[in-house]
Amino acid sequence: MRVIVVRTLRQFWEEHPDAELPLRSWLDEVRGAQWKQPADIKAQYRSASILKGNRVVFNIKGNDYRLIVAVAFVAGILYVKFVGSHEDYDRINAQTVEAGRKA
């Protein structure tokens, strides 16, 4: 899978250094994935939450952080929409949040 808006992840781990290794590991795993449907994601990440509109919520660093992506399965692309703490996540709408917006 190709990941779009990686800079959002970089900016986040620069502010939250404890998230860097888990996010880099997630990136490496996802870049090697070939997901064709939501079930493929669930097979690899059982704790991932599949939302409407092909959005997916991943738990990062033992569930300390949340990552939301939009998946274009046919194109093989993930668009990073949000990364933040649970507190940040609780303040946003996971269905509509866009990268670069503050919670």
PDB file of N, CA and C in Angstrom:
ATOM      1  N   MET A   1       0.848  -1.173   0.000  1.00  0.00           N
ATOM      2  CA  MET A   1       0.000   0.000   0.000  1.00  0.00           C
ATOM      3  C   MET A   1       0.899   1.244   0.000  1.00  0.00           C
ATOM      4  N   ARG A   2       0.414   2.248  -0.671  1.00  0.00           N
ATOM      5  CA  ARG A   2       1.119   3.535  -0.696  1.00  0.00           C
ATOM      6  C   ARG A   2       0.463   4.452   0.341  1.00  0.00           C
ATOM      7  N   VAL A   3       1.272   5.127   1.125  1.00  0.00           N
ATOM      8  CA  VAL A   3       0.760   5.986   2.200  1.00  0.00           C
ATOM      9  C   VAL A   3       0.944   7.445   1.803  1.00  0.00           C
ATOM     10  N   ILE A   4      -0.168   8.180   1.841  1.00  0.00           N
ATOM     11  CA  ILE A   4      -0.182   9.601   1.481  1.00  0.00           C
ATOM     12  C   ILE A   4      -0.283  10.430   2.776  1.00  0.00           C
ATOM     13  N   VAL A   5       0.391  11.549   2.800  1.00  0.00           N
ATOM     14  CA  VAL A   5       0.439  12.504   3.914  1.00  0.00           C
ATOM     15  C   VAL A   5       1.241  11.930   5.087  1.00  0.00           C
ATOM     16  N   VAL A   6       2.378  11.336   4.760  1.00  0.00           N
ATOM     17  CA  VAL A   6       3.282  10.818   5.785  1.00  0.00           C
ATOM     18  C   VAL A   6       3.800  11.960   6.660  1.00  0.00           C
ATOM     19  N   ARG A   7       3.858  13.161   6.126  1.00  0.00           N
ATOM     20  CA  ARG A   7       4.361  14.292   6.927  1.00  0.00           C
ATOM     21  C   ARG A   7       3.521  14.498   8.188  1.00  0.00           C
ATOM     22  N   THR A   8       2.242  14.151   8.134  1.00  0.00           N
ATOM     23  CA  THR A   8       1.391  14.249   9.321  1.00  0.00           C
ATOM     24  C   THR A   8       1.930  13.337  10.422  1.00  0.00           C
ATOM     25  N   LEU A   9       2.357  12.142  10.037  1.00  0.00           N
ATOM     26  CA  LEU A   9       2.934  11.216  11.014  1.00  0.00           C
ATOM     27  C   LEU A   9       4.258  11.749  11.540  1.00  0.00           C
ATOM     28  N   ARG A  10       5.100  12.256  10.645  1.00  0.00           N
ATOM     29  CA  ARG A  10       6.399  12.804  11.068  1.00  0.00           C
ATOM     30  C   ARG A  10       6.226  13.960  12.049  1.00  0.00           C
ATOM     31  N   GLN A  11       5.311  14.859  11.725  1.00  0.00           N
ATOM     32  CA  GLN A  11       5.069  15.997  12.613  1.00  0.00           C
ATOM     33  C   GLN A  11       4.597  15.516  13.982  1.00  0.00           C
ATOM     34  N   PHE A  12       3.780  14.484  13.975  1.00  0.00           N
ATOM     35  CA  PHE A  12       3.267  13.963  15.240  1.00  0.00           C
ATOM     36  C   PHE A  12       4.389  13.354  16.076  1.00  0.00           C
ATOM     37  N   TRP A  13       5.234  12.507  15.459  1.00  0.00           N
ATOM     38  CA  TRP A  13       6.272  11.866  16.264  1.00  0.00           C
ATOM     39  C   TRP A  13       7.371  12.841  16.664  1.00  0.00           C
ATOM     40  N   GLU A  14       7.511  13.967  15.962  1.00  0.00           N
ATOM     41  CA  GLU A  14       8.450  14.987  16.424  1.00  0.00           C
ATOM     42  C   GLU A  14       7.959  15.612  17.725  1.00  0.00           C
ATOM     43  N   GLU A  15       6.653  15.734  17.891  1.00  0.00           N
ATOM     44  CA  GLU A  15       6.063  16.272  19.118  1.00  0.00           C
ATOM     45  C   GLU A  15       5.892  15.201  20.187  1.00  0.00           C
ATOM     46  N   HIS A  16       5.782  13.940  19.753  1.00  0.00           N
ATOM     47  CA  HIS A  16       5.556  12.802  20.655  1.00  0.00           C
ATOM     48  C   HIS A  16       6.568  11.710  20.309  1.00  0.00           C
ATOM     49  N   PRO A  17       7.817  11.874  20.772  1.00  0.00           N
ATOM     50  CA  PRO A  17       8.881  10.936  20.389  1.00  0.00           C
ATOM     51  C   PRO A  17       8.579   9.471  20.707  1.00  0.00           C
ATOM     52  N   ASP A  18       7.750   9.226  21.730  1.00  0.00           N
ATOM     53  CA  ASP A  18       7.415   7.845  22.070  1.00  0.00           C
ATOM     54  C   ASP A  18       6.558   7.172  21.000  1.00  0.00           C
ATOM     55  N   ALA A  19       6.002   7.948  20.101  1.00  0.00           N
ATOM     56  CA  ALA A  19       5.178   7.399  19.025  1.00  0.00           C
ATOM     57  C   ALA A  19       5.985   7.093  17.761  1.00  0.00           C
ATOM     58  N   GLU A  20       7.228   7.564  17.693  1.00  0.00           N
ATOM     59  CA  GLU A  20       7.989   7.415  16.453  1.00  0.00           C
ATOM     60  C   GLU A  20       8.198   5.949  16.064  1.00  0.00           C
ATOM     61  N   LEU A  21       8.730   5.146  16.940  1.00  0.00           N
ATOM     62  CA  LEU A  21       9.002   3.750  16.593  1.00  0.00           C
ATOM     63  C   LEU A  21       7.720   2.988  16.227  1.00  0.00           C
ATOM     64  N   PRO A  22       6.646   3.104  17.023  1.00  0.00           N
ATOM     65  CA  PRO A  22       5.416   2.405  16.630  1.00  0.00           C
ATOM     66  C   PRO A  22       4.855   2.885  15.290  1.00  0.00           C
ATOM     67  N   LEU A  23       4.917   4.185  15.016  1.00  0.00           N
ATOM     68  CA  LEU A  23       4.411   4.689  13.736  1.00  0.00           C
ATOM     69  C   LEU A  23       5.297   4.256  12.571  1.00  0.00           C
ATOM     70  N   ARG A  24       6.602   4.259  12.782  1.00  0.00           N
ATOM     71  CA  ARG A  24       7.507   3.782  11.717  1.00  0.00           C
ATOM     72  C   ARG A  24       7.274   2.292  11.448  1.00  0.00           C
ATOM     73  N   SER A  25       7.053   1.519  12.497  1.00  0.00           N
ATOM     74  CA  SER A  25       6.771   0.088  12.325  1.00  0.00           C
ATOM     75  C   SER A  25       5.470  -0.109  11.561  1.00  0.00           C
ATOM     76  N   TRP A  26       4.451   0.672  11.917  1.00  0.00           N
ATOM     77  CA  TRP A  26       3.167   0.595  11.203  1.00  0.00           C
ATOM     78  C   TRP A  26       3.380   0.929   9.726  1.00  0.00           C
ATOM     79  N   LEU A  27       4.124   1.998   9.452  1.00  0.00           N
ATOM     80  CA  LEU A  27       4.397   2.391   8.067  1.00  0.00           C
ATOM     81  C   LEU A  27       5.076   1.259   7.291  1.00  0.00           C
ATOM     82  N   ASP A  28       6.086   0.654   7.875  1.00  0.00           N
ATOM     83  CA  ASP A  28       6.796  -0.440   7.212  1.00  0.00           C
ATOM     84  C   ASP A  28       5.853  -1.601   6.907  1.00  0.00           C
ATOM     85  N   GLU A  29       5.029  -1.960   7.866  1.00  0.00           N
ATOM     86  CA  GLU A  29       4.097  -3.069   7.672  1.00  0.00           C
ATOM     87  C   GLU A  29       3.077  -2.756   6.588  1.00  0.00           C
ATOM     88  N   VAL A  30       2.533  -1.557   6.638  1.00  0.00           N
ATOM     89  CA  VAL A  30       1.490  -1.171   5.689  1.00  0.00           C
ATOM     90  C   VAL A  30       2.039  -1.042   4.273  1.00  0.00           C
ATOM     91  N   ARG A  31       3.240  -0.521   4.151  1.00  0.00           N
ATOM     92  CA  ARG A  31       3.839  -0.390   2.818  1.00  0.00           C
ATOM     93  C   ARG A  31       4.048  -1.753   2.158  1.00  0.00           C
ATOM     94  N   GLY A  32       4.172  -2.798   2.956  1.00  0.00           N
ATOM     95  CA  GLY A  32       4.332  -4.135   2.419  1.00  0.00           C
ATOM     96  C   GLY A  32       3.023  -4.883   2.230  1.00  0.00           C
ATOM     97  N   ALA A  33       1.921  -4.276   2.661  1.00  0.00           N
ATOM     98  CA  ALA A  33       0.606  -4.931   2.578  1.00  0.00           C
ATOM     99  C   ALA A  33      -0.007  -4.757   1.194  1.00  0.00           C
ATOM    100  N   GLN A  34      -0.926  -5.651   0.882  1.00  0.00           N
ATOM    101  CA  GLN A  34      -1.686  -5.561  -0.368  1.00  0.00           C
ATOM    102  C   GLN A  34      -3.156  -5.815  -0.049  1.00  0.00           C
ATOM    103  N   TRP A  35      -3.754  -4.877   0.664  1.00  0.00           N
ATOM    104  CA  TRP A  35      -5.137  -5.030   1.085  1.00  0.00           C
ATOM    105  C   TRP A  35      -6.093  -4.773  -0.069  1.00  0.00           C
ATOM    106  N   LYS A  36      -7.030  -5.663  -0.253  1.00  0.00           N
ATOM    107  CA  LYS A  36      -8.040  -5.537  -1.311  1.00  0.00           C
ATOM    108  C   LYS A  36      -9.429  -5.261  -0.754  1.00  0.00           C
ATOM    109  N   GLN A  37      -9.590  -5.490   0.549  1.00  0.00           N
ATOM    110  CA  GLN A  37     -10.889  -5.303   1.196  1.00  0.00           C
ATOM    111  C   GLN A  37     -10.681  -5.131   2.702  1.00  0.00           C
ATOM    112  N   PRO A  38     -11.688  -4.625   3.413  1.00  0.00           N
ATOM    113  CA  PRO A  38     -11.535  -4.408   4.856  1.00  0.00           C
ATOM    114  C   PRO A  38     -11.139  -5.674   5.626  1.00  0.00           C
ATOM    115  N   ALA A  39     -11.602  -6.822   5.200  1.00  0.00           N
ATOM    116  CA  ALA A  39     -11.252  -8.069   5.893  1.00  0.00           C
ATOM    117  C   ALA A  39      -9.746  -8.319   5.892  1.00  0.00           C
ATOM    118  N   ASP A  40      -9.051  -7.860   4.859  1.00  0.00           N
ATOM    119  CA  ASP A  40      -7.597  -8.011   4.804  1.00  0.00           C
ATOM    120  C   ASP A  40      -6.925  -7.207   5.915  1.00  0.00           C
ATOM    121  N   ILE A  41      -7.464  -6.035   6.197  1.00  0.00           N
ATOM    122  CA  ILE A  41      -6.922  -5.196   7.272  1.00  0.00           C
ATOM    123  C   ILE A  41      -7.169  -5.882   8.614  1.00  0.00           C
ATOM    124  N   LYS A  42      -8.394  -6.363   8.822  1.00  0.00           N
ATOM    125  CA  LYS A  42      -8.736  -7.029  10.087  1.00  0.00           C
ATOM    126  C   LYS A  42      -7.901  -8.285  10.307  1.00  0.00           C
ATOM    127  N   ALA A  43      -7.535  -8.964   9.231  1.00  0.00           N
ATOM    128  CA  ALA A  43      -6.705 -10.157   9.361  1.00  0.00           C
ATOM    129  C   ALA A  43      -5.313  -9.802   9.886  1.00  0.00           C
ATOM    130  N   GLN A  44      -4.823  -8.640   9.520  1.00  0.00           N
ATOM    131  CA  GLN A  44      -3.493  -8.206   9.948  1.00  0.00           C
ATOM    132  C   GLN A  44      -3.540  -7.428  11.257  1.00  0.00           C
ATOM    133  N   TYR A  45      -4.589  -6.632  11.439  1.00  0.00           N
ATOM    134  CA  TYR A  45      -4.748  -5.780  12.629  1.00  0.00           C
ATOM    135  C   TYR A  45      -6.118  -6.041  13.241  1.00  0.00           C
ATOM    136  N   ARG A  46      -6.190  -7.004  14.117  1.00  0.00           N
ATOM    137  CA  ARG A  46      -7.481  -7.387  14.720  1.00  0.00           C
ATOM    138  C   ARG A  46      -8.144  -6.243  15.480  1.00  0.00           C
ATOM    139  N   SER A  47      -7.347  -5.353  16.057  1.00  0.00           N
ATOM    140  CA  SER A  47      -7.923  -4.259  16.849  1.00  0.00           C
ATOM    141  C   SER A  47      -8.332  -3.060  15.998  1.00  0.00           C
ATOM    142  N   ALA A  48      -8.059  -3.095  14.703  1.00  0.00           N
ATOM    143  CA  ALA A  48      -8.450  -1.979  13.828  1.00  0.00           C
ATOM    144  C   ALA A  48      -9.977  -1.896  13.770  1.00  0.00           C
ATOM    145  N   SER A  49     -10.474  -0.672  13.707  1.00  0.00           N
ATOM    146  CA  SER A  49     -11.918  -0.450  13.574  1.00  0.00           C
ATOM    147  C   SER A  49     -12.203   0.031  12.162  1.00  0.00           C
ATOM    148  N   ILE A  50     -13.082  -0.676  11.483  1.00  0.00           N
ATOM    149  CA  ILE A  50     -13.465  -0.305  10.121  1.00  0.00           C
ATOM    150  C   ILE A  50     -14.698   0.593  10.214  1.00  0.00           C
ATOM    151  N   LEU A  51     -14.586   1.788   9.647  1.00  0.00           N
ATOM    152  CA  LEU A  51     -15.682   2.752   9.666  1.00  0.00           C
ATOM    153  C   LEU A  51     -16.306   2.864   8.277  1.00  0.00           C
ATOM    154  N   LYS A  52     -17.395   3.594   8.200  1.00  0.00           N
ATOM    155  CA  LYS A  52     -18.018   3.865   6.899  1.00  0.00           C
ATOM    156  C   LYS A  52     -17.046   4.638   6.013  1.00  0.00           C
ATOM    157  N   GLY A  53     -17.254   4.553   4.720  1.00  0.00           N
ATOM    158  CA  GLY A  53     -16.454   5.325   3.785  1.00  0.00           C
ATOM    159  C   GLY A  53     -15.016   4.851   3.688  1.00  0.00           C
ATOM    160  N   ASN A  54     -14.777   3.568   4.004  1.00  0.00           N
ATOM    161  CA  ASN A  54     -13.427   2.988   3.934  1.00  0.00           C
ATOM    162  C   ASN A  54     -12.417   3.705   4.818  1.00  0.00           C
ATOM    163  N   ARG A  55     -12.881   4.213   5.945  1.00  0.00           N
ATOM    164  CA  ARG A  55     -11.956   4.765   6.943  1.00  0.00           C
ATOM    165  C   ARG A  55     -11.655   3.683   7.958  1.00  0.00           C
ATOM    166  N   VAL A  56     -10.429   3.726   8.461  1.00  0.00           N
ATOM    167  CA  VAL A  56      -9.981   2.721   9.421  1.00  0.00           C
ATOM    168  C   VAL A  56      -9.273   3.428  10.568  1.00  0.00           C
ATOM    169  N   VAL A  57      -9.552   2.973  11.796  1.00  0.00           N
ATOM    170  CA  VAL A  57      -8.889   3.490  12.986  1.00  0.00           C
ATOM    171  C   VAL A  57      -7.947   2.404  13.496  1.00  0.00           C
ATOM    172  N   PHE A  58      -6.662   2.779  13.635  1.00  0.00           N
ATOM    173  CA  PHE A  58      -5.653   1.873  14.167  1.00  0.00           C
ATOM    174  C   PHE A  58      -5.251   2.335  15.560  1.00  0.00           C
ATOM    175  N   ASN A  59      -5.008   1.380  16.440  1.00  0.00           N
ATOM    176  CA  ASN A  59      -4.447   1.672  17.758  1.00  0.00           C
ATOM    177  C   ASN A  59      -2.931   1.635  17.621  1.00  0.00           C
ATOM    178  N   ILE A  60      -2.286   2.688  18.104  1.00  0.00           N
ATOM    179  CA  ILE A  60      -0.830   2.820  17.992  1.00  0.00           C
ATOM    180  C   ILE A  60      -0.215   2.861  19.390  1.00  0.00           C
ATOM    181  N   LYS A  61       0.914   2.210  19.534  1.00  0.00           N
ATOM    182  CA  LYS A  61       1.672   2.171  20.794  1.00  0.00           C
ATOM    183  C   LYS A  61       0.801   1.671  21.941  1.00  0.00           C
ATOM    184  N   GLY A  62       0.345   0.439  21.783  1.00  0.00           N
ATOM    185  CA  GLY A  62      -0.447  -0.170  22.847  1.00  0.00           C
ATOM    186  C   GLY A  62      -1.711   0.596  23.148  1.00  0.00           C
ATOM    187  N   ASN A  63      -2.268   1.216  22.127  1.00  0.00           N
ATOM    188  CA  ASN A  63      -3.515   1.967  22.230  1.00  0.00           C
ATOM    189  C   ASN A  63      -3.346   3.328  22.909  1.00  0.00           C
ATOM    190  N   ASP A  64      -2.101   3.827  23.009  1.00  0.00           N
ATOM    191  CA  ASP A  64      -1.891   5.176  23.556  1.00  0.00           C
ATOM    192  C   ASP A  64      -2.349   6.236  22.558  1.00  0.00           C
ATOM    193  N   TYR A  65      -2.254   5.906  21.281  1.00  0.00           N
ATOM    194  CA  TYR A  65      -2.596   6.854  20.218  1.00  0.00           C
ATOM    195  C   TYR A  65      -3.546   6.209  19.228  1.00  0.00           C
ATOM    196  N   ARG A  66      -4.245   7.063  18.474  1.00  0.00           N
ATOM    197  CA  ARG A  66      -5.147   6.599  17.431  1.00  0.00           C
ATOM    198  C   ARG A  66      -4.712   7.193  16.102  1.00  0.00           C
ATOM    199  N   LEU A  67      -4.827   6.384  15.066  1.00  0.00           N
ATOM    200  CA  LEU A  67      -4.483   6.779  13.704  1.00  0.00           C
ATOM    201  C   LEU A  67      -5.676   6.473  12.812  1.00  0.00           C
ATOM    202  N   ILE A  68      -6.127   7.471  12.063  1.00  0.00           N
ATOM    203  CA  ILE A  68      -7.243   7.272  11.129  1.00  0.00           C
ATOM    204  C   ILE A  68      -6.719   7.437   9.720  1.00  0.00           C
ATOM    205  N   VAL A  69      -7.063   6.484   8.876  1.00  0.00           N
ATOM    206  CA  VAL A  69      -6.716   6.560   7.455  1.00  0.00           C
ATOM    207  C   VAL A  69      -7.965   6.299   6.631  1.00  0.00           C
ATOM    208  N   ALA A  70      -7.959   6.824   5.414  1.00  0.00           N
ATOM    209  CA  ALA A  70      -8.972   6.483   4.414  1.00  0.00           C
ATOM    210  C   ALA A  70      -8.268   5.563   3.420  1.00  0.00           C
ATOM    211  N   VAL A  71      -8.944   4.495   3.040  1.00  0.00           N
ATOM    212  CA  VAL A  71      -8.327   3.494   2.169  1.00  0.00           C
ATOM    213  C   VAL A  71      -8.994   3.505   0.796  1.00  0.00           C
ATOM    214  N   ALA A  72      -8.171   3.607  -0.232  1.00  0.00           N
ATOM    215  CA  ALA A  72      -8.628   3.437  -1.619  1.00  0.00           C
ATOM    216  C   ALA A  72      -8.107   2.064  -2.047  1.00  0.00           C
ATOM    217  N   PHE A  73      -8.926   1.044  -1.850  1.00  0.00           N
ATOM    218  CA  PHE A  73      -8.481  -0.325  -2.069  1.00  0.00           C
ATOM    219  C   PHE A  73      -8.034  -0.583  -3.503  1.00  0.00           C
ATOM    220  N   VAL A  74      -8.806  -0.129  -4.469  1.00  0.00           N
ATOM    221  CA  VAL A  74      -8.468  -0.395  -5.873  1.00  0.00           C
ATOM    222  C   VAL A  74      -7.125   0.222  -6.246  1.00  0.00           C
ATOM    223  N   ALA A  75      -6.872   1.433  -5.769  1.00  0.00           N
ATOM    224  CA  ALA A  75      -5.619   2.134  -6.071  1.00  0.00           C
ATOM    225  C   ALA A  75      -4.469   1.686  -5.168  1.00  0.00           C
ATOM    226  N   GLY A  76      -4.788   1.025  -4.059  1.00  0.00           N
ATOM    227  CA  GLY A  76      -3.744   0.606  -3.128  1.00  0.00           C
ATOM    228  C   GLY A  76      -3.134   1.761  -2.368  1.00  0.00           C
ATOM    229  N   ILE A  77      -3.983   2.720  -1.957  1.00  0.00           N
ATOM    230  CA  ILE A  77      -3.497   3.937  -1.298  1.00  0.00           C
ATOM    231  C   ILE A  77      -4.192   4.131   0.048  1.00  0.00           C
ATOM    232  N   LEU A  78      -3.406   4.563   1.036  1.00  0.00           N
ATOM    233  CA  LEU A  78      -3.928   4.974   2.338  1.00  0.00           C
ATOM    234  C   LEU A  78      -3.670   6.462   2.496  1.00  0.00           C
ATOM    235  N   TYR A  79      -4.689   7.190   2.898  1.00  0.00           N
ATOM    236  CA  TYR A  79      -4.561   8.627   3.145  1.00  0.00           C
ATOM    237  C   TYR A  79      -4.627   8.854   4.653  1.00  0.00           C
ATOM    238  N   VAL A  80      -3.560   9.369   5.239  1.00  0.00           N
ATOM    239  CA  VAL A  80      -3.552   9.661   6.665  1.00  0.00           C
ATOM    240  C   VAL A  80      -4.478  10.849   6.902  1.00  0.00           C
ATOM    241  N   LYS A  81      -5.450  10.647   7.774  1.00  0.00           N
ATOM    242  CA  LYS A  81      -6.421  11.698   8.084  1.00  0.00           C
ATOM    243  C   LYS A  81      -6.221  12.299   9.464  1.00  0.00           C
ATOM    244  N   PHE A  82      -5.695  11.490  10.400  1.00  0.00           N
ATOM    245  CA  PHE A  82      -5.563  11.960  11.782  1.00  0.00           C
ATOM    246  C   PHE A  82      -4.617  11.045  12.532  1.00  0.00           C
ATOM    247  N   VAL A  83      -3.837  11.618  13.430  1.00  0.00           N
ATOM    248  CA  VAL A  83      -3.092  10.861  14.433  1.00  0.00           C
ATOM    249  C   VAL A  83      -3.086  11.701  15.698  1.00  0.00           C
ATOM    250  N   GLY A  84      -3.381  11.065  16.821  1.00  0.00           N
ATOM    251  CA  GLY A  84      -3.437  11.804  18.073  1.00  0.00           C
ATOM    252  C   GLY A  84      -3.704  10.894  19.255  1.00  0.00           C
ATOM    253  N   SER A  85      -3.762  11.507  20.416  1.00  0.00           N
ATOM    254  CA  SER A  85      -4.054  10.774  21.647  1.00  0.00           C
ATOM    255  C   SER A  85      -5.542  10.411  21.689  1.00  0.00           C
ATOM    256  N   HIS A  86      -5.920   9.588  22.658  1.00  0.00           N
ATOM    257  CA  HIS A  86      -7.337   9.268  22.816  1.00  0.00           C
ATOM    258  C   HIS A  86      -8.139  10.530  23.121  1.00  0.00           C
ATOM    259  N   GLU A  87      -7.563  11.416  23.917  1.00  0.00           N
ATOM    260  CA  GLU A  87      -8.245  12.675  24.230  1.00  0.00           C
ATOM    261  C   GLU A  87      -8.496  13.476  22.950  1.00  0.00           C
ATOM    262  N   ASP A  88      -7.482  13.560  22.090  1.00  0.00           N
ATOM    263  CA  ASP A  88      -7.638  14.252  20.807  1.00  0.00           C
ATOM    264  C   ASP A  88      -8.696  13.554  19.955  1.00  0.00           C
ATOM    265  N   TYR A  89      -8.626  12.229  19.920  1.00  0.00           N
ATOM    266  CA  TYR A  89      -9.558  11.433  19.127  1.00  0.00           C
ATOM    267  C   TYR A  89     -11.004  11.664  19.568  1.00  0.00           C
ATOM    268  N   ASP A  90     -11.206  11.788  20.870  1.00  0.00           N
ATOM    269  CA  ASP A  90     -12.563  12.002  21.403  1.00  0.00           C
ATOM    270  C   ASP A  90     -13.149  13.351  20.985  1.00  0.00           C
ATOM    271  N   ARG A  91     -12.299  14.286  20.562  1.00  0.00           N
ATOM    272  CA  ARG A  91     -12.774  15.620  20.174  1.00  0.00           C
ATOM    273  C   ARG A  91     -13.048  15.753  18.683  1.00  0.00           C
ATOM    274  N   ILE A  92     -12.781  14.728  17.899  1.00  0.00           N
ATOM    275  CA  ILE A  92     -12.956  14.832  16.449  1.00  0.00           C
ATOM    276  C   ILE A  92     -14.044  13.871  15.976  1.00  0.00           C
ATOM    277  N   ASN A  93     -14.467  14.073  14.745  1.00  0.00           N
ATOM    278  CA  ASN A  93     -15.383  13.144  14.094  1.00  0.00           C
ATOM    279  C   ASN A  93     -14.527  12.281  13.167  1.00  0.00           C
ATOM    280  N   ALA A  94     -14.407  11.010  13.502  1.00  0.00           N
ATOM    281  CA  ALA A  94     -13.540  10.114  12.741  1.00  0.00           C
ATOM    282  C   ALA A  94     -13.975   9.958  11.282  1.00  0.00           C
ATOM    283  N   GLN A  95     -15.235  10.218  11.012  1.00  0.00           N
ATOM    284  CA  GLN A  95     -15.770  10.092   9.651  1.00  0.00           C
ATOM    285  C   GLN A  95     -15.404  11.262   8.758  1.00  0.00           C
ATOM    286  N   THR A  96     -15.105  12.421   9.365  1.00  0.00           N
ATOM    287  CA  THR A  96     -14.906  13.621   8.551  1.00  0.00           C
ATOM    288  C   THR A  96     -13.561  14.329   8.750  1.00  0.00           C
ATOM    289  N   VAL A  97     -12.808  13.932   9.777  1.00  0.00           N
ATOM    290  CA  VAL A  97     -11.547  14.613  10.056  1.00  0.00           C
ATOM    291  C   VAL A  97     -10.601  14.516   8.851  1.00  0.00           C
ATOM    292  N   GLU A  98      -9.847  15.575   8.639  1.00  0.00           N
ATOM    293  CA  GLU A  98      -8.864  15.626   7.538  1.00  0.00           C
ATOM    294  C   GLU A  98      -7.506  15.960   8.108  1.00  0.00           C
ATOM    295  N   ALA A  99      -6.460  15.446   7.499  1.00  0.00           N
ATOM    296  CA  ALA A  99      -5.082  15.717   7.933  1.00  0.00           C
ATOM    297  C   ALA A  99      -4.830  17.215   7.949  1.00  0.00           C
ATOM    298  N   GLY A 100      -4.071  17.635   8.939  1.00  0.00           N
ATOM    299  CA  GLY A 100      -3.702  19.040   9.016  1.00  0.00           C
ATOM    300  C   GLY A 100      -4.641  19.874   9.870  1.00  0.00           C
ATOM    301  N   ARG A 101      -5.813  19.342  10.170  1.00  0.00           N
ATOM    302  CA  ARG A 101      -6.745  20.076  11.035  1.00  0.00           C
ATOM    303  C   ARG A 101      -6.468  19.728  12.473  1.00  0.00           C
ATOM    304  N   LYS A 102      -6.553  20.711  13.327  1.00  0.00           N
ATOM    305  CA  LYS A 102      -6.361  20.501  14.751  1.00  0.00           C
ATOM    306  C   LYS A 102      -7.684  20.051  15.367  1.00  0.00           C
ATOM    307  N   ALA A 103      -7.575  19.204  16.379  1.00  0.00           N
ATOM    308  CA  ALA A 103      -8.776  18.723  17.076  1.00  0.00           C
ATOM    309  C   ALA A 103      -9.415  19.844  17.849  1.00  0.00           C
TER     310      ALA A 103
END
